[in-house]
Amino acid sequence: MSDVYDVVIIGSGPGGYVAAVRAGQLGLKTAVVEAGPLGGTCLNIGCIPTKALLHSADLLDEIKEGKRFGVNASDISFDLPGAMKHKQTVVRQSSEGVAFLMKKNKVDLYEGWGKVAGRGQVQVALTAGGSQTLQAKHIIIATGARPRAIPGIEFDGERILSSTDMLEVQEVPKSLLVVGAGAIGVEFASMFRAFGSDVTLVEALPRLVPLEDEEVSAELAKAFQRRRIKALTGAKLNGVTRGDGEVIATVTDENGKEQQIHAERMLLGIGIAPRTRDIGLEEAGVQMDHRGFLQVDGHMRTTADGIYAIGDCVPTPWLAHVASAEGILAVEHLAGLEPHPLNYDRVPACTFCSPQIASVGLSEAKARERGYEIKVGKFPFSANGKARVLGQARAGFVKIVANQQYDEILGVHMIGPSVTEMISEGGIALSHEATGASIMHTIHAHPTLYETLGEAAHALVHGAAIHI
């Protein structure tokens, strides 16, 4: 190519394609290099298809409870191929949407495997054959990550599955062992329990969803117990063997007792490994840690001049919306604007199991670790009228953590119905430095689920909520 691009982006996930859109909006000559479908992991084999299947699971559970609401349905059954078809329709529509955005913003797309080939150069091994070298003033690495296996326990696509594999299963397994109780693990455990699997969760750390507030973890454990999802926390996975039509996992539980778990299939949901090896980054002078994650500064610049990195290939929260925000930040910085670095304390996290979990800001324990003298306000969904209407008042709560001295909101933590939508108010509260009093004096519409936030603020400020 004789033309020089202002920016070449390797990867078209929620980091890469959003960066490309913003670059196009700023009038930058932009190219995206993508070896797979547009949209990357999140859109094709991650967030979007998983949530489509989780919606099927939630709908199935709701229909089964219909008699409580005067809705009588007979011969209820679950059709996994039908759910998979819906998932694929959503994925296709979303990918087509990304393609439209590329055209709208005049972004050139190169289908193939991208590699940094020198200063300001990206070599593309084209999917159609041959190669092409692109010249770029700036390069953004947005190559994402892949599911991580355990040494000696590798994915086989049949019995030991990754999250990607789980999205393509053709039959609901009678029994499912899930290793890892972070967001991936509990979402698939919740989903396949609704589909009819006998589910066992194994987590090495002392509690489920270990990155969430401790009270949220405890509430989820109780909810999963009611749903007959077995959970072993503080447990060590010693080994896995394949039997006749099953996997057999040897586990040492938190009491030091060894036991064997038999399951038709096993999901390894223990985290991710970045896609950063063998794409010319080491030769270009990009520093990475021992796991392969790229080192960046507050504006997403790597240690190599002119090369930025965003999303799951850097050691920031591995969330699609973080990748998107980092993509915008990187583009605006390389364009000569003066964007502020991201405040990762204010990143919302959502887990779409049943009950849902959402949080933003510091947990109670983290706030104390930071040296804050704190106060806490809580309100349960059991006292919320809308939750009763929905038949979802049995479990969950909203919890607000605030600075005792200044009443400033430090964190909001939720578990219960639709909290992945409700967390937006918590995000606004933190970004606008809201106080417990300002939330309390905000009139919340009735009857709604988000009234629980106002009630939790009353508990925070006055020591008691109104409706409990």
Protein backbone atom coordinates (compact mmCIF):
# COMPACT_ATOMS: atom_id res chain seq x y z
CA MET A 1 0.00 0.00 0.00
CA SER A 2 1.35 3.40 -0.87
CA ASP A 3 -1.11 5.10 1.48
CA VAL A 4 -0.23 5.43 5.15
CA TYR A 5 -2.98 4.83 7.67
CA ASP A 6 -3.30 7.05 10.70
CA VAL A 7 -4.12 3.93 12.70
CA VAL A 8 -4.21 0.20 12.01
CA ILE A 9 -6.13 -1.87 14.55
CA ILE A 10 -5.44 -5.59 14.91
CA GLY A 11 -8.66 -7.18 16.15
CA SER A 12 -12.33 -6.26 15.75
CA GLY A 13 -13.79 -7.14 19.15
CA PRO A 14 -15.55 -4.57 21.35
CA GLY A 15 -12.21 -2.84 21.82
CA GLY A 16 -11.04 -2.90 18.22
CA TYR A 17 -14.24 -2.07 16.37
CA VAL A 18 -15.21 0.69 18.82
CA ALA A 19 -11.72 2.18 18.44
CA ALA A 20 -12.19 2.05 14.67
CA VAL A 21 -15.56 3.80 14.86
CA ARG A 22 -14.13 6.58 17.04
CA ALA A 23 -11.15 6.96 14.73
CA GLY A 24 -13.48 7.27 11.76
CA GLN A 25 -15.54 9.88 13.59
CA LEU A 26 -12.35 11.89 14.15
CA GLY A 27 -11.51 11.76 10.45
CA LEU A 28 -8.54 9.41 10.81
CA LYS A 29 -7.64 7.08 7.96
CA THR A 30 -8.28 3.75 9.64
CA ALA A 31 -7.89 0.05 8.94
CA VAL A 32 -8.95 -3.02 10.89
CA VAL A 33 -7.28 -6.40 10.52
CA GLU A 34 -9.41 -9.39 11.57
CA ALA A 35 -8.79 -13.10 11.05
CA GLY A 36 -12.23 -14.22 12.21
CA PRO A 37 -15.78 -12.88 12.20
CA LEU A 38 -16.29 -9.20 12.95
CA GLY A 39 -17.04 -8.54 16.59
CA GLY A 40 -14.37 -10.77 18.09
CA THR A 41 -14.83 -13.08 21.04
CA CYS A 42 -17.51 -11.06 22.84
CA LEU A 43 -19.93 -10.87 19.97
CA ASN A 44 -19.35 -14.31 18.44
CA ILE A 45 -18.31 -16.73 21.20
CA GLY A 46 -18.60 -14.75 24.44
CA CYS A 47 -20.92 -12.14 25.91
CA ILE A 48 -23.66 -12.01 23.29
CA PRO A 49 -24.27 -15.72 22.58
CA THR A 50 -23.96 -16.58 26.28
CA LYS A 51 -26.58 -14.02 27.22
CA ALA A 52 -28.87 -15.24 24.45
CA LEU A 53 -28.78 -18.74 25.95
CA LEU A 54 -29.18 -17.34 29.46
CA HIS A 55 -32.33 -15.58 28.29
CA SER A 56 -33.65 -18.95 27.10
CA ALA A 57 -32.83 -20.36 30.55
CA ASP A 58 -34.59 -17.52 32.37
CA LEU A 59 -37.63 -17.82 30.11
CA LEU A 60 -37.79 -21.56 30.73
CA ASP A 61 -37.68 -21.07 34.50
CA GLU A 62 -40.36 -18.37 34.32
CA ILE A 63 -42.70 -20.53 32.24
CA LYS A 64 -42.30 -23.40 34.70
CA GLU A 65 -43.44 -21.01 37.47
CA GLY A 66 -46.39 -19.75 35.41
CA LYS A 67 -49.03 -21.46 37.56
CA ARG A 68 -48.16 -19.07 40.43
CA PHE A 69 -49.33 -16.20 38.22
CA GLY A 70 -52.44 -17.88 36.85
CA VAL A 71 -50.74 -18.90 33.62
CA ASN A 72 -51.15 -22.62 33.07
CA ALA A 73 -48.87 -24.20 30.50
CA SER A 74 -48.68 -27.90 29.79
CA ASP A 75 -46.09 -30.12 28.12
CA ILE A 76 -43.29 -27.65 28.78
CA SER A 77 -40.05 -28.80 27.20
CA PHE A 78 -36.73 -27.30 26.28
CA ASP A 79 -35.38 -27.40 22.73
CA LEU A 80 -31.61 -26.80 22.79
CA PRO A 81 -31.31 -26.64 18.97
CA GLY A 82 -34.02 -23.96 18.99
CA ALA A 83 -32.14 -21.95 21.62
CA MET A 84 -28.93 -22.34 19.60
CA LYS A 85 -30.73 -21.10 16.48
CA HIS A 86 -31.88 -17.98 18.34
CA LYS A 87 -28.31 -17.48 19.61
CA GLN A 88 -26.90 -17.69 16.08
CA THR A 89 -29.50 -15.24 14.76
CA VAL A 90 -28.51 -12.70 17.42
CA VAL A 91 -24.80 -13.22 16.66
CA ARG A 92 -25.33 -12.82 12.91
CA GLN A 93 -27.37 -9.65 13.32
CA SER A 94 -24.78 -8.18 15.67
CA SER A 95 -21.87 -9.01 13.35
CA GLU A 96 -23.72 -7.45 10.43
CA GLY A 97 -24.17 -4.37 12.61
CA VAL A 98 -20.41 -4.10 13.10
CA ALA A 99 -19.86 -4.44 9.33
CA PHE A 100 -22.31 -1.57 8.79
CA LEU A 101 -20.43 0.58 11.30
CA MET A 102 -17.14 -0.07 9.49
CA LYS A 103 -18.63 1.11 6.17
CA LYS A 104 -20.39 4.07 7.75
CA ASN A 105 -17.17 5.32 9.29
CA LYS A 106 -15.02 4.60 6.20
CA VAL A 107 -12.89 1.97 7.92
CA ASP A 108 -10.97 -0.37 5.63
CA LEU A 109 -11.22 -4.03 6.58
CA TYR A 110 -8.47 -6.58 5.89
CA GLU A 111 -9.49 -10.16 6.46
CA GLY A 112 -6.49 -12.09 7.69
CA TRP A 113 -3.94 -12.60 10.45
CA GLY A 114 -2.16 -9.39 11.45
CA LYS A 115 1.42 -9.18 12.69
CA VAL A 116 3.62 -6.24 13.62
CA ALA A 117 6.41 -6.37 11.03
CA GLY A 118 8.49 -3.37 12.03
CA ARG A 119 8.06 0.22 13.06
CA GLY A 120 4.73 1.42 11.69
CA GLN A 121 4.12 -1.77 9.70
CA VAL A 122 1.46 -4.47 9.97
CA GLN A 123 1.82 -7.53 7.79
CA VAL A 124 -1.45 -9.30 6.98
CA ALA A 125 -1.57 -12.94 5.96
CA LEU A 126 -4.76 -12.60 3.95
CA THR A 127 -7.49 -15.19 4.40
CA ALA A 128 -8.00 -15.21 0.63
CA GLY A 129 -4.33 -15.95 0.08
CA GLY A 130 -1.14 -13.94 -0.14
CA SER A 131 -0.05 -11.16 2.17
CA GLN A 132 -0.13 -7.40 2.35
CA THR A 133 1.86 -4.92 4.41
CA LEU A 134 0.08 -1.87 5.78
CA GLN A 135 1.87 1.33 6.75
CA ALA A 136 0.60 2.99 9.93
CA LYS A 137 1.43 6.03 12.01
CA HIS A 138 -0.08 4.21 14.98
CA ILE A 139 -0.98 0.60 15.72
CA ILE A 140 -3.54 -0.62 18.25
CA ILE A 141 -3.28 -4.19 19.47
CA ALA A 142 -6.79 -5.49 20.24
CA THR A 143 -6.20 -9.21 19.82
CA GLY A 144 -8.13 -10.27 22.93
CA ALA A 145 -7.73 -13.60 24.67
CA ARG A 146 -8.78 -17.24 24.62
CA PRO A 147 -10.03 -19.60 27.36
CA ARG A 148 -7.21 -20.85 29.59
CA ALA A 149 -6.70 -24.54 30.25
CA ILE A 150 -4.95 -26.22 33.18
CA PRO A 151 -1.61 -27.88 32.41
CA GLY A 152 -2.31 -31.58 32.02
CA ILE A 153 -6.06 -30.97 31.69
CA GLU A 154 -6.45 -29.72 28.15
CA PHE A 155 -9.65 -29.03 26.23
CA ASP A 156 -10.71 -31.91 24.01
CA GLY A 157 -13.99 -30.46 22.69
CA GLU A 158 -15.88 -33.59 23.75
CA ARG A 159 -15.70 -34.14 27.51
CA ILE A 160 -13.46 -31.32 28.76
CA LEU A 161 -14.88 -28.12 27.32
CA SER A 162 -14.05 -24.44 27.15
CA SER A 163 -16.71 -21.75 27.29
CA THR A 164 -16.48 -21.61 23.49
CA ASP A 165 -17.16 -25.34 23.28
CA MET A 166 -20.15 -25.04 25.63
CA LEU A 167 -21.82 -22.66 23.19
CA GLU A 168 -21.91 -25.39 20.56
CA VAL A 169 -23.07 -28.46 22.51
CA GLN A 170 -25.83 -30.35 20.74
CA GLU A 171 -27.41 -32.01 23.77
CA VAL A 172 -27.97 -30.95 27.36
CA PRO A 173 -25.63 -33.09 29.48
CA LYS A 174 -27.26 -35.06 32.26
CA SER A 175 -24.48 -33.93 34.56
CA LEU A 176 -22.03 -31.04 34.30
CA LEU A 177 -18.95 -30.26 36.38
CA VAL A 178 -17.94 -26.59 36.25
CA VAL A 179 -14.43 -25.72 37.41
CA GLY A 180 -14.18 -22.05 38.33
CA ALA A 181 -16.92 -20.01 40.00
CA GLY A 182 -16.22 -16.61 38.51
CA ALA A 183 -18.63 -14.97 36.10
CA ILE A 184 -18.13 -17.57 33.35
CA GLY A 185 -18.54 -20.53 35.67
CA VAL A 186 -21.64 -19.37 37.53
CA GLU A 187 -23.36 -18.23 34.33
CA PHE A 188 -22.96 -21.62 32.66
CA ALA A 189 -23.82 -23.42 35.90
CA SER A 190 -27.02 -21.38 36.20
CA MET A 191 -27.88 -21.82 32.52
CA PHE A 192 -27.45 -25.58 32.33
CA ARG A 193 -29.20 -26.14 35.65
CA ALA A 194 -32.23 -24.43 34.11
CA PHE A 195 -31.84 -26.62 31.02
CA GLY A 196 -31.96 -29.71 33.24
CA SER A 197 -28.36 -30.68 34.01
CA ASP A 198 -27.22 -31.88 37.42
CA VAL A 199 -24.54 -29.24 38.10
CA THR A 200 -21.55 -29.23 40.43
CA LEU A 201 -19.31 -26.18 40.86
CA VAL A 202 -15.69 -26.42 42.06
CA GLU A 203 -13.85 -23.24 43.09
CA ALA A 204 -10.34 -23.04 44.54
CA LEU A 205 -11.00 -19.80 46.41
CA PRO A 206 -13.14 -19.74 49.58
CA ARG A 207 -16.33 -18.44 47.95
CA LEU A 208 -18.35 -18.18 44.77
CA VAL A 209 -17.81 -15.08 42.57
CA PRO A 210 -14.69 -14.24 44.63
CA LEU A 211 -14.26 -10.79 43.08
CA GLU A 212 -17.65 -9.65 44.38
CA ASP A 213 -18.59 -8.39 47.84
CA GLU A 214 -18.56 -11.20 50.41
CA GLU A 215 -22.24 -10.80 51.25
CA VAL A 216 -23.12 -11.13 47.57
CA SER A 217 -21.12 -14.37 47.41
CA ALA A 218 -22.97 -15.73 50.44
CA GLU A 219 -26.36 -14.81 48.98
CA LEU A 220 -25.52 -16.50 45.68
CA ALA A 221 -24.42 -19.64 47.53
CA LYS A 222 -27.81 -19.81 49.25
CA ALA A 223 -29.68 -19.22 46.00
CA PHE A 224 -27.68 -21.92 44.20
CA GLN A 225 -28.33 -24.32 47.06
CA ARG A 226 -32.08 -23.75 46.66
CA ARG A 227 -31.68 -24.46 42.95
CA ARG A 228 -29.83 -27.67 43.82
CA ILE A 229 -26.56 -26.54 42.28
CA LYS A 230 -23.83 -28.20 44.32
CA ALA A 231 -20.88 -25.95 45.11
CA LEU A 232 -17.48 -26.90 46.53
CA THR A 233 -15.46 -23.83 47.48
CA GLY A 234 -11.93 -23.81 48.83
CA ALA A 235 -11.47 -26.99 46.79
CA LYS A 236 -8.42 -28.19 44.88
CA LEU A 237 -8.73 -30.02 41.58
CA ASN A 238 -6.11 -32.76 41.70
CA GLY A 239 -6.71 -34.40 38.35
CA VAL A 240 -9.20 -35.46 35.70
CA THR A 241 -9.54 -38.75 33.85
CA ARG A 242 -11.84 -39.67 31.00
CA GLY A 243 -14.05 -42.69 31.48
CA ASP A 244 -16.70 -44.34 29.36
CA GLY A 245 -18.94 -41.43 28.42
CA GLU A 246 -17.85 -39.33 31.42
CA VAL A 247 -15.10 -37.40 33.14
CA ILE A 248 -13.95 -38.25 36.63
CA ALA A 249 -12.47 -35.39 38.65
CA THR A 250 -10.51 -35.94 41.84
CA VAL A 251 -11.03 -33.04 44.22
CA THR A 252 -9.80 -32.20 47.71
CA ASP A 253 -12.50 -30.22 49.51
CA GLU A 254 -12.03 -27.40 52.02
CA ASN A 255 -11.85 -29.93 54.87
CA GLY A 256 -9.01 -31.82 53.24
CA LYS A 257 -11.18 -34.75 52.22
CA GLU A 258 -10.57 -36.20 48.77
CA GLN A 259 -13.55 -37.16 46.65
CA GLN A 260 -14.36 -38.07 43.08
CA ILE A 261 -16.92 -36.26 40.97
CA HIS A 262 -18.40 -38.05 37.96
CA ALA A 263 -19.93 -35.93 35.22
CA GLU A 264 -20.93 -36.37 31.61
CA ARG A 265 -19.05 -33.19 30.71
CA MET A 266 -16.74 -30.68 32.37
CA LEU A 267 -16.38 -26.97 31.74
CA LEU A 268 -13.08 -25.30 32.57
CA GLY A 269 -13.93 -21.67 33.31
CA ILE A 270 -10.79 -20.56 35.14
CA GLY A 271 -9.85 -17.48 33.17
CA ILE A 272 -8.20 -16.36 29.95
CA ALA A 273 -4.84 -16.32 28.19
CA PRO A 274 -3.98 -13.31 26.00
CA ARG A 275 -3.42 -13.67 22.26
CA THR A 276 -0.13 -11.81 22.14
CA ARG A 277 2.49 -14.40 21.21
CA ASP A 278 4.02 -14.74 17.75
CA ILE A 279 2.58 -11.54 16.31
CA GLY A 280 5.83 -9.54 16.33
CA LEU A 281 5.32 -7.73 19.62
CA GLU A 282 8.48 -8.93 21.37
CA GLU A 283 10.57 -7.94 18.35
CA ALA A 284 8.89 -4.52 18.31
CA GLY A 285 9.90 -3.90 21.94
CA VAL A 286 6.50 -4.33 23.54
CA GLN A 287 6.92 -5.50 27.10
CA MET A 288 4.61 -8.17 28.49
CA ASP A 289 4.34 -10.00 31.79
CA HIS A 290 5.02 -13.72 32.30
CA ARG A 291 1.43 -14.52 31.29
CA GLY A 292 1.67 -12.59 28.03
CA PHE A 293 -0.39 -9.54 29.00
CA LEU A 294 0.93 -6.32 27.47
CA GLN A 295 2.18 -3.51 29.71
CA VAL A 296 0.48 -0.16 29.09
CA ASP A 297 0.36 3.29 30.64
CA GLY A 298 -2.73 5.32 31.55
CA HIS A 299 -3.36 6.19 27.90
CA MET A 300 -2.96 2.56 26.72
CA ARG A 301 0.50 3.12 25.22
CA THR A 302 2.81 0.12 25.25
CA THR A 303 6.57 0.35 25.71
CA ALA A 304 7.03 0.54 21.92
CA ASP A 305 6.62 3.94 20.33
CA GLY A 306 3.43 4.24 18.31
CA ILE A 307 1.88 0.98 19.56
CA TYR A 308 -1.15 0.97 21.85
CA ALA A 309 -2.92 -2.04 23.38
CA ILE A 310 -6.47 -2.43 24.69
CA GLY A 311 -8.94 -5.00 25.97
CA ASP A 312 -8.32 -8.54 27.15
CA CYS A 313 -4.67 -8.56 26.04
CA VAL A 314 -3.78 -6.04 28.78
CA PRO A 315 -4.05 -6.62 32.56
CA THR A 316 -7.10 -4.44 33.16
CA PRO A 317 -10.60 -5.81 33.94
CA TRP A 318 -11.49 -8.33 31.23
CA LEU A 319 -14.84 -6.83 30.31
CA ALA A 320 -16.20 -5.81 26.91
CA HIS A 321 -17.20 -2.34 28.07
CA VAL A 322 -13.71 -1.78 29.47
CA ALA A 323 -12.20 -2.72 26.10
CA SER A 324 -14.52 -0.25 24.36
CA ALA A 325 -13.65 2.56 26.75
CA GLU A 326 -9.94 1.79 26.35
CA GLY A 327 -10.33 1.84 22.57
CA ILE A 328 -11.87 5.30 22.64
CA LEU A 329 -9.19 6.49 25.08
CA ALA A 330 -6.34 5.20 22.89
CA VAL A 331 -7.73 6.72 19.68
CA GLU A 332 -8.43 10.10 21.24
CA HIS A 333 -4.90 10.16 22.68
CA LEU A 334 -3.17 9.25 19.42
CA ALA A 335 -5.36 11.84 17.66
CA GLY A 336 -3.84 14.54 19.85
CA LEU A 337 -6.80 15.09 22.16
CA GLU A 338 -6.36 15.11 25.94
CA PRO A 339 -8.53 12.28 27.29
CA HIS A 340 -8.42 11.38 30.96
CA PRO A 341 -7.13 7.91 31.91
CA LEU A 342 -9.84 5.51 32.99
CA ASN A 343 -10.74 5.10 36.64
CA TYR A 344 -10.95 1.33 36.98
CA ASP A 345 -12.55 1.68 40.41
CA ARG A 346 -15.67 2.86 38.60
CA VAL A 347 -16.10 -0.02 36.17
CA PRO A 348 -19.44 -1.84 36.50
CA ALA A 349 -19.40 -5.63 36.54
CA CYS A 350 -22.42 -7.75 35.62
CA THR A 351 -22.96 -11.49 36.01
CA PHE A 352 -26.08 -12.88 34.34
CA CYS A 353 -26.69 -15.99 36.44
CA SER A 354 -29.96 -16.40 38.31
CA PRO A 355 -30.14 -14.40 40.51
CA GLN A 356 -28.20 -11.72 38.65
CA ILE A 357 -25.21 -9.94 40.19
CA ALA A 358 -23.98 -6.41 39.52
CA SER A 359 -21.50 -4.12 41.20
CA VAL A 360 -19.52 -0.95 40.75
CA GLY A 361 -16.90 0.61 42.98
CA LEU A 362 -15.30 -0.71 46.14
CA SER A 363 -16.62 -3.63 48.14
CA GLU A 364 -16.89 -3.28 51.89
CA ALA A 365 -13.64 -5.22 52.38
CA LYS A 366 -11.75 -3.26 49.70
CA ALA A 367 -12.90 0.05 51.12
CA ARG A 368 -11.57 -0.91 54.54
CA GLU A 369 -8.29 -2.04 52.95
CA ARG A 370 -7.98 1.43 51.38
CA GLY A 371 -8.23 2.93 54.86
CA TYR A 372 -11.75 4.30 54.66
CA GLU A 373 -13.98 4.47 57.71
CA ILE A 374 -17.18 3.27 56.12
CA LYS A 375 -20.90 2.91 56.62
CA VAL A 376 -23.22 0.51 54.86
CA GLY A 377 -26.88 0.63 53.83
CA LYS A 378 -28.76 -2.49 52.67
CA PHE A 379 -32.25 -3.26 51.50
CA PRO A 380 -33.64 -6.69 50.56
CA PHE A 381 -35.77 -7.45 47.52
CA SER A 382 -38.09 -9.37 49.86
CA ALA A 383 -39.51 -5.99 50.93
CA ASN A 384 -39.87 -4.61 47.39
CA GLY A 385 -43.33 -4.62 45.85
CA LYS A 386 -42.20 -5.03 42.23
CA ALA A 387 -40.00 -8.01 43.17
CA ARG A 388 -43.09 -9.61 44.76
CA VAL A 389 -45.09 -8.92 41.60
CA LEU A 390 -42.42 -10.73 39.59
CA GLY A 391 -42.22 -13.59 42.05
CA GLN A 392 -38.54 -12.82 42.61
CA ALA A 393 -38.57 -11.52 46.17
CA ARG A 394 -37.09 -14.61 47.75
CA ALA A 395 -33.43 -13.67 47.34
CA GLY A 396 -31.22 -10.67 46.90
CA PHE A 397 -30.49 -7.18 48.12
CA VAL A 398 -28.93 -3.84 47.27
CA LYS A 399 -25.95 -2.69 49.32
CA ILE A 400 -24.35 0.75 49.32
CA VAL A 401 -20.90 1.35 50.78
CA ALA A 402 -20.01 4.95 51.64
CA ASN A 403 -17.32 7.03 53.30
CA GLN A 404 -18.42 7.65 56.91
CA GLN A 405 -16.85 11.10 57.05
CA TYR A 406 -18.14 12.64 53.82
CA ASP A 407 -21.07 10.34 52.95
CA GLU A 408 -19.52 9.82 49.48
CA ILE A 409 -20.64 6.64 47.70
CA LEU A 410 -17.70 4.26 47.32
CA GLY A 411 -19.46 1.19 45.95
CA VAL A 412 -22.83 -0.31 45.05
CA HIS A 413 -23.40 -4.07 45.13
CA MET A 414 -26.53 -5.93 44.05
CA ILE A 415 -27.85 -9.43 43.72
CA GLY A 416 -31.39 -10.05 42.54
CA PRO A 417 -33.80 -9.49 39.64
CA SER A 418 -32.66 -7.23 36.76
CA VAL A 419 -29.76 -5.79 38.75
CA THR A 420 -27.55 -5.81 35.63
CA GLU A 421 -29.75 -2.97 34.37
CA MET A 422 -30.13 -1.26 37.74
CA ILE A 423 -26.37 -0.91 38.28
CA SER A 424 -26.35 2.05 35.90
CA GLU A 425 -27.55 4.29 38.73
CA GLY A 426 -24.60 3.14 40.80
CA GLY A 427 -22.23 4.00 37.97
CA ILE A 428 -23.70 7.50 37.66
CA ALA A 429 -23.49 7.91 41.43
CA LEU A 430 -19.76 7.18 41.44
CA SER A 431 -18.92 9.21 38.34
CA HIS A 432 -20.78 12.22 39.78
CA GLU A 433 -19.39 11.76 43.31
CA ALA A 434 -22.85 11.31 44.74
CA THR A 435 -23.52 10.99 48.45
CA GLY A 436 -25.87 8.75 50.34
CA ALA A 437 -28.03 11.80 51.01
CA SER A 438 -28.25 12.74 47.33
CA ILE A 439 -29.36 9.21 46.42
CA MET A 440 -31.83 9.22 49.31
CA HIS A 441 -33.36 12.51 48.15
CA THR A 442 -33.66 11.28 44.56
CA ILE A 443 -37.28 10.25 44.11
CA HIS A 444 -37.44 6.70 42.78
CA ALA A 445 -40.53 5.68 40.79
CA HIS A 446 -42.97 3.20 42.30
CA PRO A 447 -43.46 0.31 41.82
CA THR A 448 -40.00 -0.47 40.48
CA LEU A 449 -37.09 -2.68 41.40
CA TYR A 450 -34.72 0.27 41.55
CA GLU A 451 -36.62 1.70 44.51
CA THR A 452 -34.34 -0.61 46.49
CA LEU A 453 -31.49 1.84 45.82
CA GLY A 454 -33.39 4.68 47.46
CA GLU A 455 -34.28 2.41 50.39
CA ALA A 456 -30.65 1.32 50.79
CA ALA A 457 -29.66 5.00 50.81
CA HIS A 458 -32.18 5.65 53.60
CA ALA A 459 -30.60 2.82 55.56
CA LEU A 460 -27.17 4.31 54.86
CA VAL A 461 -28.03 7.83 55.98
CA HIS A 462 -30.59 7.26 58.72
CA GLY A 463 -29.68 3.76 59.84
CA ALA A 464 -33.07 2.41 58.77
CA ALA A 465 -34.91 2.02 55.50
CA ILE A 466 -38.56 3.01 55.13
CA HIS A 467 -40.19 -0.28 54.15
CA ILE A 468 -38.48 -2.65 56.54
